[in-house]
Amino acid sequence: MKVIRSPFKEFPPAVAALTAVAFFVAVGFGLIIPAIPIFASSFGVSATAIGVVIGAFAVARLVSGLFAGKLVERYGERLVLGTGLLMVAFFTFLTALAQNYEQLLIF
């Protein structure tokens, strides 16, 4: 009988950490979708205007991704990943405190 090894043992722990980070960021981004009508009604704007906020977040992620590689080469993975996670947490917190559409768009 052949023993089957777990393929996960071959991966370094950093892969598991990065996978977990990517998962939780994606889940956090996905959780906003059901709240769009609530944001739209509480700020008195259309769902399209809230979609602009979500689109701006996606564009910001795309643009920051273009520079992330250079930052990782210069400062290291841990510092860049940690700083990025802190920034996501901070701006998510500010987004929760937004009192109007303009603040939501800025955060």
PDB file of N, CA and C in Angstrom:
ATOM      1  N   MET A   1       0.844  -1.173   0.000  1.00  0.00           N
ATOM      2  CA  MET A   1       0.000   0.000   0.000  1.00  0.00           C
ATOM      3  C   MET A   1       0.894   1.241   0.000  1.00  0.00           C
ATOM      4  N   LYS A   2       0.553   2.165  -0.840  1.00  0.00           N
ATOM      5  CA  LYS A   2       1.349   3.380  -0.989  1.00  0.00           C
ATOM      6  C   LYS A   2       0.834   4.470  -0.047  1.00  0.00           C
ATOM      7  N   VAL A   3       1.763   5.092   0.661  1.00  0.00           N
ATOM      8  CA  VAL A   3       1.410   6.177   1.573  1.00  0.00           C
ATOM      9  C   VAL A   3       1.385   7.483   0.787  1.00  0.00           C
ATOM     10  N   ILE A   4       0.306   8.193   0.920  1.00  0.00           N
ATOM     11  CA  ILE A   4       0.160   9.470   0.218  1.00  0.00           C
ATOM     12  C   ILE A   4       0.527  10.589   1.184  1.00  0.00           C
ATOM     13  N   ARG A   5       1.496  11.392   0.770  1.00  0.00           N
ATOM     14  CA  ARG A   5       1.923  12.523   1.585  1.00  0.00           C
ATOM     15  C   ARG A   5       1.053  13.738   1.304  1.00  0.00           C
ATOM     16  N   SER A   6       0.902  14.536   2.300  1.00  0.00           N
ATOM     17  CA  SER A   6       0.152  15.779   2.133  1.00  0.00           C
ATOM     18  C   SER A   6       0.976  16.761   1.308  1.00  0.00           C
ATOM     19  N   PRO A   7       0.404  17.320   0.247  1.00  0.00           N
ATOM     20  CA  PRO A   7       1.158  18.289  -0.556  1.00  0.00           C
ATOM     21  C   PRO A   7       1.421  19.595   0.192  1.00  0.00           C
ATOM     22  N   PHE A   8       0.685  19.834   1.259  1.00  0.00           N
ATOM     23  CA  PHE A   8       0.842  21.084   1.994  1.00  0.00           C
ATOM     24  C   PHE A   8       2.112  21.119   2.830  1.00  0.00           C
ATOM     25  N   LYS A   9       2.675  19.965   3.129  1.00  0.00           N
ATOM     26  CA  LYS A   9       3.904  19.931   3.925  1.00  0.00           C
ATOM     27  C   LYS A   9       5.099  20.452   3.142  1.00  0.00           C
ATOM     28  N   GLU A  10       5.005  20.466   1.823  1.00  0.00           N
ATOM     29  CA  GLU A  10       6.105  20.931   0.989  1.00  0.00           C
ATOM     30  C   GLU A  10       6.168  22.454   0.897  1.00  0.00           C
ATOM     31  N   PHE A  11       5.080  23.113   1.211  1.00  0.00           N
ATOM     32  CA  PHE A  11       5.041  24.569   1.128  1.00  0.00           C
ATOM     33  C   PHE A  11       5.640  25.187   2.388  1.00  0.00           C
ATOM     34  N   PRO A  12       6.384  26.270   2.219  1.00  0.00           N
ATOM     35  CA  PRO A  12       6.883  26.967   3.414  1.00  0.00           C
ATOM     36  C   PRO A  12       5.725  27.645   4.150  1.00  0.00           C
ATOM     37  N   PRO A  13       5.874  27.908   5.435  1.00  0.00           N
ATOM     38  CA  PRO A  13       4.797  28.557   6.201  1.00  0.00           C
ATOM     39  C   PRO A  13       4.382  29.910   5.630  1.00  0.00           C
ATOM     40  N   ALA A  14       5.286  30.584   4.942  1.00  0.00           N
ATOM     41  CA  ALA A  14       4.950  31.890   4.366  1.00  0.00           C
ATOM     42  C   ALA A  14       3.840  31.770   3.333  1.00  0.00           C
ATOM     43  N   VAL A  15       3.789  30.648   2.620  1.00  0.00           N
ATOM     44  CA  VAL A  15       2.733  30.457   1.621  1.00  0.00           C
ATOM     45  C   VAL A  15       1.376  30.391   2.312  1.00  0.00           C
ATOM     46  N   ALA A  16       1.310  29.688   3.428  1.00  0.00           N
ATOM     47  CA  ALA A  16       0.055  29.614   4.180  1.00  0.00           C
ATOM     48  C   ALA A  16      -0.346  30.993   4.696  1.00  0.00           C
ATOM     49  N   ALA A  17       0.621  31.752   5.173  1.00  0.00           N
ATOM     50  CA  ALA A  17       0.324  33.095   5.682  1.00  0.00           C
ATOM     51  C   ALA A  17      -0.184  34.002   4.568  1.00  0.00           C
ATOM     52  N   LEU A  18       0.471  33.970   3.423  1.00  0.00           N
ATOM     53  CA  LEU A  18       0.048  34.808   2.299  1.00  0.00           C
ATOM     54  C   LEU A  18      -1.324  34.391   1.786  1.00  0.00           C
ATOM     55  N   THR A  19      -1.578  33.096   1.759  1.00  0.00           N
ATOM     56  CA  THR A  19      -2.886  32.606   1.330  1.00  0.00           C
ATOM     57  C   THR A  19      -3.970  33.087   2.287  1.00  0.00           C
ATOM     58  N   ALA A  20      -3.705  33.015   3.575  1.00  0.00           N
ATOM     59  CA  ALA A  20      -4.677  33.481   4.565  1.00  0.00           C
ATOM     60  C   ALA A  20      -4.933  34.978   4.426  1.00  0.00           C
ATOM     61  N   VAL A  21      -3.880  35.750   4.226  1.00  0.00           N
ATOM     62  CA  VAL A  21      -4.033  37.198   4.051  1.00  0.00           C
ATOM     63  C   VAL A  21      -4.878  37.494   2.818  1.00  0.00           C
ATOM     64  N   ALA A  22      -4.553  36.852   1.703  1.00  0.00           N
ATOM     65  CA  ALA A  22      -5.309  37.079   0.469  1.00  0.00           C
ATOM     66  C   ALA A  22      -6.772  36.685   0.652  1.00  0.00           C
ATOM     67  N   PHE A  23      -7.004  35.589   1.351  1.00  0.00           N
ATOM     68  CA  PHE A  23      -8.370  35.131   1.588  1.00  0.00           C
ATOM     69  C   PHE A  23      -9.162  36.162   2.390  1.00  0.00           C
ATOM     70  N   PHE A  24      -8.593  36.629   3.493  1.00  0.00           N
ATOM     71  CA  PHE A  24      -9.328  37.559   4.348  1.00  0.00           C
ATOM     72  C   PHE A  24      -9.534  38.921   3.696  1.00  0.00           C
ATOM     73  N   VAL A  25      -8.596  39.374   2.904  1.00  0.00           N
ATOM     74  CA  VAL A  25      -8.790  40.631   2.171  1.00  0.00           C
ATOM     75  C   VAL A  25      -9.906  40.457   1.140  1.00  0.00           C
ATOM     76  N   ALA A  26      -9.911  39.317   0.443  1.00  0.00           N
ATOM     77  CA  ALA A  26     -10.958  39.059  -0.549  1.00  0.00           C
ATOM     78  C   ALA A  26     -12.324  38.931   0.117  1.00  0.00           C
ATOM     79  N   VAL A  27     -12.383  38.257   1.247  1.00  0.00           N
ATOM     80  CA  VAL A  27     -13.650  38.127   1.971  1.00  0.00           C
ATOM     81  C   VAL A  27     -14.134  39.501   2.429  1.00  0.00           C
ATOM     82  N   GLY A  28     -13.226  40.299   2.954  1.00  0.00           N
ATOM     83  CA  GLY A  28     -13.597  41.647   3.382  1.00  0.00           C
ATOM     84  C   GLY A  28     -14.131  42.481   2.237  1.00  0.00           C
ATOM     85  N   PHE A  29     -13.513  42.333   1.080  1.00  0.00           N
ATOM     86  CA  PHE A  29     -13.986  43.062  -0.094  1.00  0.00           C
ATOM     87  C   PHE A  29     -15.351  42.540  -0.529  1.00  0.00           C
ATOM     88  N   GLY A  30     -15.536  41.232  -0.444  1.00  0.00           N
ATOM     89  CA  GLY A  30     -16.803  40.628  -0.843  1.00  0.00           C
ATOM     90  C   GLY A  30     -17.947  40.931   0.105  1.00  0.00           C
ATOM     91  N   LEU A  31     -17.648  41.203   1.353  1.00  0.00           N
ATOM     92  CA  LEU A  31     -18.700  41.484   2.329  1.00  0.00           C
ATOM     93  C   LEU A  31     -19.407  42.808   2.075  1.00  0.00           C
ATOM     94  N   ILE A  32     -18.780  43.690   1.335  1.00  0.00           N
ATOM     95  CA  ILE A  32     -19.373  45.001   1.097  1.00  0.00           C
ATOM     96  C   ILE A  32     -20.547  44.923   0.107  1.00  0.00           C
ATOM     97  N   ILE A  33     -20.534  43.933  -0.756  1.00  0.00           N
ATOM     98  CA  ILE A  33     -21.557  43.846  -1.807  1.00  0.00           C
ATOM     99  C   ILE A  33     -22.979  43.837  -1.233  1.00  0.00           C
ATOM    100  N   PRO A  34     -23.291  43.016  -0.235  1.00  0.00           N
ATOM    101  CA  PRO A  34     -24.665  43.050   0.291  1.00  0.00           C
ATOM    102  C   PRO A  34     -25.024  44.370   0.978  1.00  0.00           C
ATOM    103  N   ALA A  35     -24.035  45.143   1.385  1.00  0.00           N
ATOM    104  CA  ALA A  35     -24.306  46.396   2.095  1.00  0.00           C
ATOM    105  C   ALA A  35     -24.490  47.583   1.160  1.00  0.00           C
ATOM    106  N   ILE A  36     -24.326  47.393  -0.136  1.00  0.00           N
ATOM    107  CA  ILE A  36     -24.434  48.509  -1.081  1.00  0.00           C
ATOM    108  C   ILE A  36     -25.773  49.232  -0.977  1.00  0.00           C
ATOM    109  N   PRO A  37     -26.905  48.530  -0.962  1.00  0.00           N
ATOM    110  CA  PRO A  37     -28.176  49.265  -0.839  1.00  0.00           C
ATOM    111  C   PRO A  37     -28.286  50.059   0.468  1.00  0.00           C
ATOM    112  N   ILE A  38     -27.701  49.540   1.538  1.00  0.00           N
ATOM    113  CA  ILE A  38     -27.743  50.252   2.821  1.00  0.00           C
ATOM    114  C   ILE A  38     -26.933  51.539   2.737  1.00  0.00           C
ATOM    115  N   PHE A  39     -25.708  51.443   2.177  1.00  0.00           N
ATOM    116  CA  PHE A  39     -24.894  52.644   1.994  1.00  0.00           C
ATOM    117  C   PHE A  39     -25.614  53.650   1.104  1.00  0.00           C
ATOM    118  N   ALA A  40     -26.181  53.174   0.005  1.00  0.00           N
ATOM    119  CA  ALA A  40     -26.836  54.078  -0.941  1.00  0.00           C
ATOM    120  C   ALA A  40     -27.983  54.827  -0.275  1.00  0.00           C
ATOM    121  N   SER A  41     -28.809  54.114   0.470  1.00  0.00           N
ATOM    122  CA  SER A  41     -29.951  54.789   1.095  1.00  0.00           C
ATOM    123  C   SER A  41     -29.520  55.701   2.243  1.00  0.00           C
ATOM    124  N   SER A  42     -28.522  55.291   3.021  1.00  0.00           N
ATOM    125  CA  SER A  42     -28.113  56.132   4.154  1.00  0.00           C
ATOM    126  C   SER A  42     -27.392  57.398   3.707  1.00  0.00           C
ATOM    127  N   PHE A  43     -26.729  57.355   2.547  1.00  0.00           N
ATOM    128  CA  PHE A  43     -26.039  58.539   2.046  1.00  0.00           C
ATOM    129  C   PHE A  43     -26.869  59.292   1.014  1.00  0.00           C
ATOM    130  N   GLY A  44     -28.028  58.766   0.670  1.00  0.00           N
ATOM    131  CA  GLY A  44     -28.889  59.436  -0.287  1.00  0.00           C
ATOM    132  C   GLY A  44     -28.333  59.471  -1.697  1.00  0.00           C
ATOM    133  N   VAL A  45     -27.609  58.434  -2.089  1.00  0.00           N
ATOM    134  CA  VAL A  45     -27.045  58.357  -3.437  1.00  0.00           C
ATOM    135  C   VAL A  45     -27.514  57.066  -4.096  1.00  0.00           C
ATOM    136  N   SER A  46     -27.254  56.971  -5.376  1.00  0.00           N
ATOM    137  CA  SER A  46     -27.663  55.780  -6.112  1.00  0.00           C
ATOM    138  C   SER A  46     -26.681  54.637  -5.881  1.00  0.00           C
ATOM    139  N   ALA A  47     -27.115  53.444  -6.237  1.00  0.00           N
ATOM    140  CA  ALA A  47     -26.227  52.280  -6.156  1.00  0.00           C
ATOM    141  C   ALA A  47     -25.040  52.457  -7.091  1.00  0.00           C
ATOM    142  N   THR A  48     -25.235  53.194  -8.179  1.00  0.00           N
ATOM    143  CA  THR A  48     -24.136  53.465  -9.109  1.00  0.00           C
ATOM    144  C   THR A  48     -23.049  54.290  -8.432  1.00  0.00           C
ATOM    145  N   ALA A  49     -23.441  55.273  -7.646  1.00  0.00           N
ATOM    146  CA  ALA A  49     -22.454  56.099  -6.939  1.00  0.00           C
ATOM    147  C   ALA A  49     -21.653  55.262  -5.952  1.00  0.00           C
ATOM    148  N   ILE A  50     -22.299  54.324  -5.290  1.00  0.00           N
ATOM    149  CA  ILE A  50     -21.576  53.423  -4.390  1.00  0.00           C
ATOM    150  C   ILE A  50     -20.677  52.497  -5.201  1.00  0.00           C
ATOM    151  N   GLY A  51     -21.133  52.106  -6.384  1.00  0.00           N
ATOM    152  CA  GLY A  51     -20.293  51.302  -7.277  1.00  0.00           C
ATOM    153  C   GLY A  51     -19.025  52.034  -7.677  1.00  0.00           C
ATOM    154  N   VAL A  52     -19.111  53.357  -7.792  1.00  0.00           N
ATOM    155  CA  VAL A  52     -17.919  54.164  -8.093  1.00  0.00           C
ATOM    156  C   VAL A  52     -16.899  54.031  -6.962  1.00  0.00           C
ATOM    157  N   VAL A  53     -17.369  54.002  -5.725  1.00  0.00           N
ATOM    158  CA  VAL A  53     -16.470  53.833  -4.580  1.00  0.00           C
ATOM    159  C   VAL A  53     -15.773  52.477  -4.656  1.00  0.00           C
ATOM    160  N   ILE A  54     -16.532  51.445  -4.944  1.00  0.00           N
ATOM    161  CA  ILE A  54     -15.947  50.104  -5.039  1.00  0.00           C
ATOM    162  C   ILE A  54     -14.980  50.031  -6.213  1.00  0.00           C
ATOM    163  N   GLY A  55     -15.338  50.655  -7.325  1.00  0.00           N
ATOM    164  CA  GLY A  55     -14.435  50.697  -8.476  1.00  0.00           C
ATOM    165  C   GLY A  55     -13.156  51.455  -8.173  1.00  0.00           C
ATOM    166  N   ALA A  56     -13.271  52.534  -7.407  1.00  0.00           N
ATOM    167  CA  ALA A  56     -12.079  53.297  -7.024  1.00  0.00           C
ATOM    168  C   ALA A  56     -11.154  52.444  -6.162  1.00  0.00           C
ATOM    169  N   PHE A  57     -11.730  51.631  -5.288  1.00  0.00           N
ATOM    170  CA  PHE A  57     -10.924  50.727  -4.467  1.00  0.00           C
ATOM    171  C   PHE A  57     -10.188  49.726  -5.352  1.00  0.00           C
ATOM    172  N   ALA A  58     -10.889  49.168  -6.326  1.00  0.00           N
ATOM    173  CA  ALA A  58     -10.262  48.194  -7.220  1.00  0.00           C
ATOM    174  C   ALA A  58      -9.137  48.830  -8.036  1.00  0.00           C
ATOM    175  N   VAL A  59      -9.356  50.036  -8.524  1.00  0.00           N
ATOM    176  CA  VAL A  59      -8.315  50.735  -9.289  1.00  0.00           C
ATOM    177  C   VAL A  59      -7.118  51.046  -8.391  1.00  0.00           C
ATOM    178  N   ALA A  60      -7.382  51.459  -7.158  1.00  0.00           N
ATOM    179  CA  ALA A  60      -6.284  51.734  -6.222  1.00  0.00           C
ATOM    180  C   ALA A  60      -5.476  50.472  -5.942  1.00  0.00           C
ATOM    181  N   ARG A  61      -6.150  49.337  -5.826  1.00  0.00           N
ATOM    182  CA  ARG A  61      -5.430  48.065  -5.635  1.00  0.00           C
ATOM    183  C   ARG A  61      -4.588  47.734  -6.848  1.00  0.00           C
ATOM    184  N   LEU A  62      -5.119  47.971  -8.025  1.00  0.00           N
ATOM    185  CA  LEU A  62      -4.376  47.693  -9.253  1.00  0.00           C
ATOM    186  C   LEU A  62      -3.138  48.575  -9.347  1.00  0.00           C
ATOM    187  N   VAL A  63      -3.309  49.853  -9.120  1.00  0.00           N
ATOM    188  CA  VAL A  63      -2.184  50.788  -9.224  1.00  0.00           C
ATOM    189  C   VAL A  63      -1.138  50.498  -8.152  1.00  0.00           C
ATOM    190  N   SER A  64      -1.580  50.244  -6.927  1.00  0.00           N
ATOM    191  CA  SER A  64      -0.610  49.955  -5.866  1.00  0.00           C
ATOM    192  C   SER A  64       0.116  48.647  -6.128  1.00  0.00           C
ATOM    193  N   GLY A  65      -0.545  47.708  -6.783  1.00  0.00           N
ATOM    194  CA  GLY A  65       0.106  46.448  -7.132  1.00  0.00           C
ATOM    195  C   GLY A  65       1.255  46.635  -8.104  1.00  0.00           C
ATOM    196  N   LEU A  66       1.173  47.677  -8.926  1.00  0.00           N
ATOM    197  CA  LEU A  66       2.252  47.946  -9.871  1.00  0.00           C
ATOM    198  C   LEU A  66       3.544  48.338  -9.157  1.00  0.00           C
ATOM    199  N   PHE A  67       3.406  48.974  -8.005  1.00  0.00           N
ATOM    200  CA  PHE A  67       4.576  49.431  -7.257  1.00  0.00           C
ATOM    201  C   PHE A  67       4.988  48.471  -6.143  1.00  0.00           C
ATOM    202  N   ALA A  68       4.123  47.544  -5.809  1.00  0.00           N
ATOM    203  CA  ALA A  68       4.387  46.661  -4.671  1.00  0.00           C
ATOM    204  C   ALA A  68       5.632  45.809  -4.871  1.00  0.00           C
ATOM    205  N   GLY A  69       5.870  45.345  -6.082  1.00  0.00           N
ATOM    206  CA  GLY A  69       7.048  44.520  -6.338  1.00  0.00           C
ATOM    207  C   GLY A  69       8.342  45.247  -6.029  1.00  0.00           C
ATOM    208  N   LYS A  70       8.426  46.485  -6.460  1.00  0.00           N
ATOM    209  CA  LYS A  70       9.628  47.280  -6.183  1.00  0.00           C
ATOM    210  C   LYS A  70       9.781  47.538  -4.682  1.00  0.00           C
ATOM    211  N   LEU A  71       8.670  47.792  -4.011  1.00  0.00           N
ATOM    212  CA  LEU A  71       8.735  48.011  -2.567  1.00  0.00           C
ATOM    213  C   LEU A  71       9.195  46.755  -1.834  1.00  0.00           C
ATOM    214  N   VAL A  72       8.723  45.591  -2.291  1.00  0.00           N
ATOM    215  CA  VAL A  72       9.139  44.330  -1.675  1.00  0.00           C
ATOM    216  C   VAL A  72      10.629  44.106  -1.880  1.00  0.00           C
ATOM    217  N   GLU A  73      11.117  44.386  -3.079  1.00  0.00           N
ATOM    218  CA  GLU A  73      12.551  44.228  -3.340  1.00  0.00           C
ATOM    219  C   GLU A  73      13.380  45.154  -2.456  1.00  0.00           C
ATOM    220  N   ARG A  74      12.873  46.331  -2.220  1.00  0.00           N
ATOM    221  CA  ARG A  74      13.641  47.329  -1.474  1.00  0.00           C
ATOM    222  C   ARG A  74      13.553  47.142   0.045  1.00  0.00           C
ATOM    223  N   TYR A  75      12.341  46.848   0.551  1.00  0.00           N
ATOM    224  CA  TYR A  75      12.125  46.822   1.998  1.00  0.00           C
ATOM    225  C   TYR A  75      11.846  45.433   2.576  1.00  0.00           C
ATOM    226  N   GLY A  76      11.583  44.456   1.732  1.00  0.00           N
ATOM    227  CA  GLY A  76      11.304  43.109   2.221  1.00  0.00           C
ATOM    228  C   GLY A  76       9.815  42.811   2.293  1.00  0.00           C
ATOM    229  N   GLU A  77       9.525  41.508   2.227  1.00  0.00           N
ATOM    230  CA  GLU A  77       8.129  41.072   2.184  1.00  0.00           C
ATOM    231  C   GLU A  77       7.366  41.399   3.458  1.00  0.00           C
ATOM    232  N   ARG A  78       7.976  41.130   4.591  1.00  0.00           N
ATOM    233  CA  ARG A  78       7.255  41.312   5.856  1.00  0.00           C
ATOM    234  C   ARG A  78       6.844  42.763   6.084  1.00  0.00           C
ATOM    235  N   LEU A  79       7.745  43.671   5.845  1.00  0.00           N
ATOM    236  CA  LEU A  79       7.437  45.084   6.075  1.00  0.00           C
ATOM    237  C   LEU A  79       6.344  45.568   5.125  1.00  0.00           C
ATOM    238  N   VAL A  80       6.463  45.210   3.855  1.00  0.00           N
ATOM    239  CA  VAL A  80       5.471  45.666   2.871  1.00  0.00           C
ATOM    240  C   VAL A  80       4.115  45.027   3.143  1.00  0.00           C
ATOM    241  N   LEU A  81       4.091  43.728   3.422  1.00  0.00           N
ATOM    242  CA  LEU A  81       2.824  43.052   3.707  1.00  0.00           C
ATOM    243  C   LEU A  81       2.200  43.594   4.988  1.00  0.00           C
ATOM    244  N   GLY A  82       3.002  43.749   6.017  1.00  0.00           N
ATOM    245  CA  GLY A  82       2.481  44.277   7.276  1.00  0.00           C
ATOM    246  C   GLY A  82       1.946  45.686   7.134  1.00  0.00           C
ATOM    247  N   THR A  83       2.686  46.527   6.423  1.00  0.00           N
ATOM    248  CA  THR A  83       2.236  47.898   6.195  1.00  0.00           C
ATOM    249  C   THR A  83       0.948  47.914   5.376  1.00  0.00           C
ATOM    250  N   GLY A  84       0.893  47.080   4.361  1.00  0.00           N
ATOM    251  CA  GLY A  84      -0.312  47.001   3.535  1.00  0.00           C
ATOM    252  C   GLY A  84      -1.527  46.553   4.328  1.00  0.00           C
ATOM    253  N   LEU A  85      -1.339  45.559   5.186  1.00  0.00           N
ATOM    254  CA  LEU A  85      -2.454  45.093   6.015  1.00  0.00           C
ATOM    255  C   LEU A  85      -2.914  46.166   6.994  1.00  0.00           C
ATOM    256  N   LEU A  86      -1.964  46.863   7.575  1.00  0.00           N
ATOM    257  CA  LEU A  86      -2.337  47.956   8.480  1.00  0.00           C
ATOM    258  C   LEU A  86      -3.092  49.053   7.744  1.00  0.00           C
ATOM    259  N   MET A  87      -2.663  49.353   6.526  1.00  0.00           N
ATOM    260  CA  MET A  87      -3.357  50.374   5.735  1.00  0.00           C
ATOM    261  C   MET A  87      -4.774  49.934   5.401  1.00  0.00           C
ATOM    262  N   VAL A  88      -4.940  48.677   4.999  1.00  0.00           N
ATOM    263  CA  VAL A  88      -6.284  48.165   4.693  1.00  0.00           C
ATOM    264  C   VAL A  88      -7.165  48.241   5.935  1.00  0.00           C
ATOM    265  N   ALA A  89      -6.639  47.822   7.083  1.00  0.00           N
ATOM    266  CA  ALA A  89      -7.420  47.866   8.321  1.00  0.00           C
ATOM    267  C   ALA A  89      -7.780  49.302   8.698  1.00  0.00           C
ATOM    268  N   PHE A  90      -6.815  50.207   8.593  1.00  0.00           N
ATOM    269  CA  PHE A  90      -7.044  51.606   8.958  1.00  0.00           C
ATOM    270  C   PHE A  90      -8.105  52.250   8.069  1.00  0.00           C
ATOM    271  N   PHE A  91      -7.978  52.083   6.763  1.00  0.00           N
ATOM    272  CA  PHE A  91      -8.931  52.722   5.860  1.00  0.00           C
ATOM    273  C   PHE A  91     -10.295  52.033   5.888  1.00  0.00           C
ATOM    274  N   THR A  92     -10.328  50.749   6.197  1.00  0.00           N
ATOM    275  CA  THR A  92     -11.613  50.076   6.391  1.00  0.00           C
ATOM    276  C   THR A  92     -12.324  50.658   7.608  1.00  0.00           C
ATOM    277  N   PHE A  93     -11.568  50.897   8.669  1.00  0.00           N
ATOM    278  CA  PHE A  93     -12.125  51.522   9.868  1.00  0.00           C
ATOM    279  C   PHE A  93     -12.649  52.923   9.554  1.00  0.00           C
ATOM    280  N   LEU A  94     -11.869  53.713   8.820  1.00  0.00           N
ATOM    281  CA  LEU A  94     -12.324  55.056   8.445  1.00  0.00           C
ATOM    282  C   LEU A  94     -13.576  54.997   7.578  1.00  0.00           C
ATOM    283  N   THR A  95     -13.637  54.017   6.696  1.00  0.00           N
ATOM    284  CA  THR A  95     -14.813  53.852   5.844  1.00  0.00           C
ATOM    285  C   THR A  95     -16.053  53.595   6.693  1.00  0.00           C
ATOM    286  N   ALA A  96     -15.893  52.804   7.737  1.00  0.00           N
ATOM    287  CA  ALA A  96     -17.027  52.528   8.622  1.00  0.00           C
ATOM    288  C   ALA A  96     -17.502  53.786   9.342  1.00  0.00           C
ATOM    289  N   LEU A  97     -16.615  54.752   9.522  1.00  0.00           N
ATOM    290  CA  LEU A  97     -16.972  55.993  10.216  1.00  0.00           C
ATOM    291  C   LEU A  97     -17.461  57.098   9.286  1.00  0.00           C
ATOM    292  N   ALA A  98     -17.479  56.844   7.990  1.00  0.00           N
ATOM    293  CA  ALA A  98     -17.873  57.876   7.025  1.00  0.00           C
ATOM    294  C   ALA A  98     -19.293  58.360   7.311  1.00  0.00           C
ATOM    295  N   GLN A  99     -19.456  59.680   7.335  1.00  0.00           N
ATOM    296  CA  GLN A  99     -20.750  60.289   7.620  1.00  0.00           C
ATOM    297  C   GLN A  99     -21.504  60.705   6.360  1.00  0.00           C
ATOM    298  N   ASN A 100     -20.800  60.796   5.236  1.00  0.00           N
ATOM    299  CA  ASN A 100     -21.452  61.178   3.990  1.00  0.00           C
ATOM    300  C   ASN A 100     -20.706  60.546   2.812  1.00  0.00           C
ATOM    301  N   TYR A 101     -21.261  60.735   1.631  1.00  0.00           N
ATOM    302  CA  TYR A 101     -20.699  60.107   0.436  1.00  0.00           C
ATOM    303  C   TYR A 101     -19.299  60.618   0.127  1.00  0.00           C
ATOM    304  N   GLU A 102     -19.061  61.891   0.322  1.00  0.00           N
ATOM    305  CA  GLU A 102     -17.747  62.457   0.019  1.00  0.00           C
ATOM    306  C   GLU A 102     -16.659  61.827   0.890  1.00  0.00           C
ATOM    307  N   GLN A 103     -16.954  61.647   2.171  1.00  0.00           N
ATOM    308  CA  GLN A 103     -15.990  60.986   3.051  1.00  0.00           C
ATOM    309  C   GLN A 103     -15.764  59.540   2.616  1.00  0.00           C
ATOM    310  N   LEU A 104     -16.833  58.879   2.249  1.00  0.00           N
ATOM    311  CA  LEU A 104     -16.713  57.495   1.781  1.00  0.00           C
ATOM    312  C   LEU A 104     -15.830  57.419   0.551  1.00  0.00           C
ATOM    313  N   LEU A 105     -15.977  58.368  -0.337  1.00  0.00           N
ATOM    314  CA  LEU A 105     -15.169  58.392  -1.556  1.00  0.00           C
ATOM    315  C   LEU A 105     -13.699  58.664  -1.244  1.00  0.00           C
ATOM    316  N   ILE A 106     -13.419  59.496  -0.272  1.00  0.00           N
ATOM    317  CA  ILE A 106     -12.038  59.811   0.101  1.00  0.00           C
ATOM    318  C   ILE A 106     -11.370  58.622   0.776  1.00  0.00           C
ATOM    319  N   PHE A 107     -12.086  57.946   1.666  1.00  0.00           N
ATOM    320  CA  PHE A 107     -11.494  56.837   2.413  1.00  0.00           C
ATOM    321  C   PHE A 107     -11.364  55.617   1.533  1.00  0.00           C
TER     322      PHE A 107
END
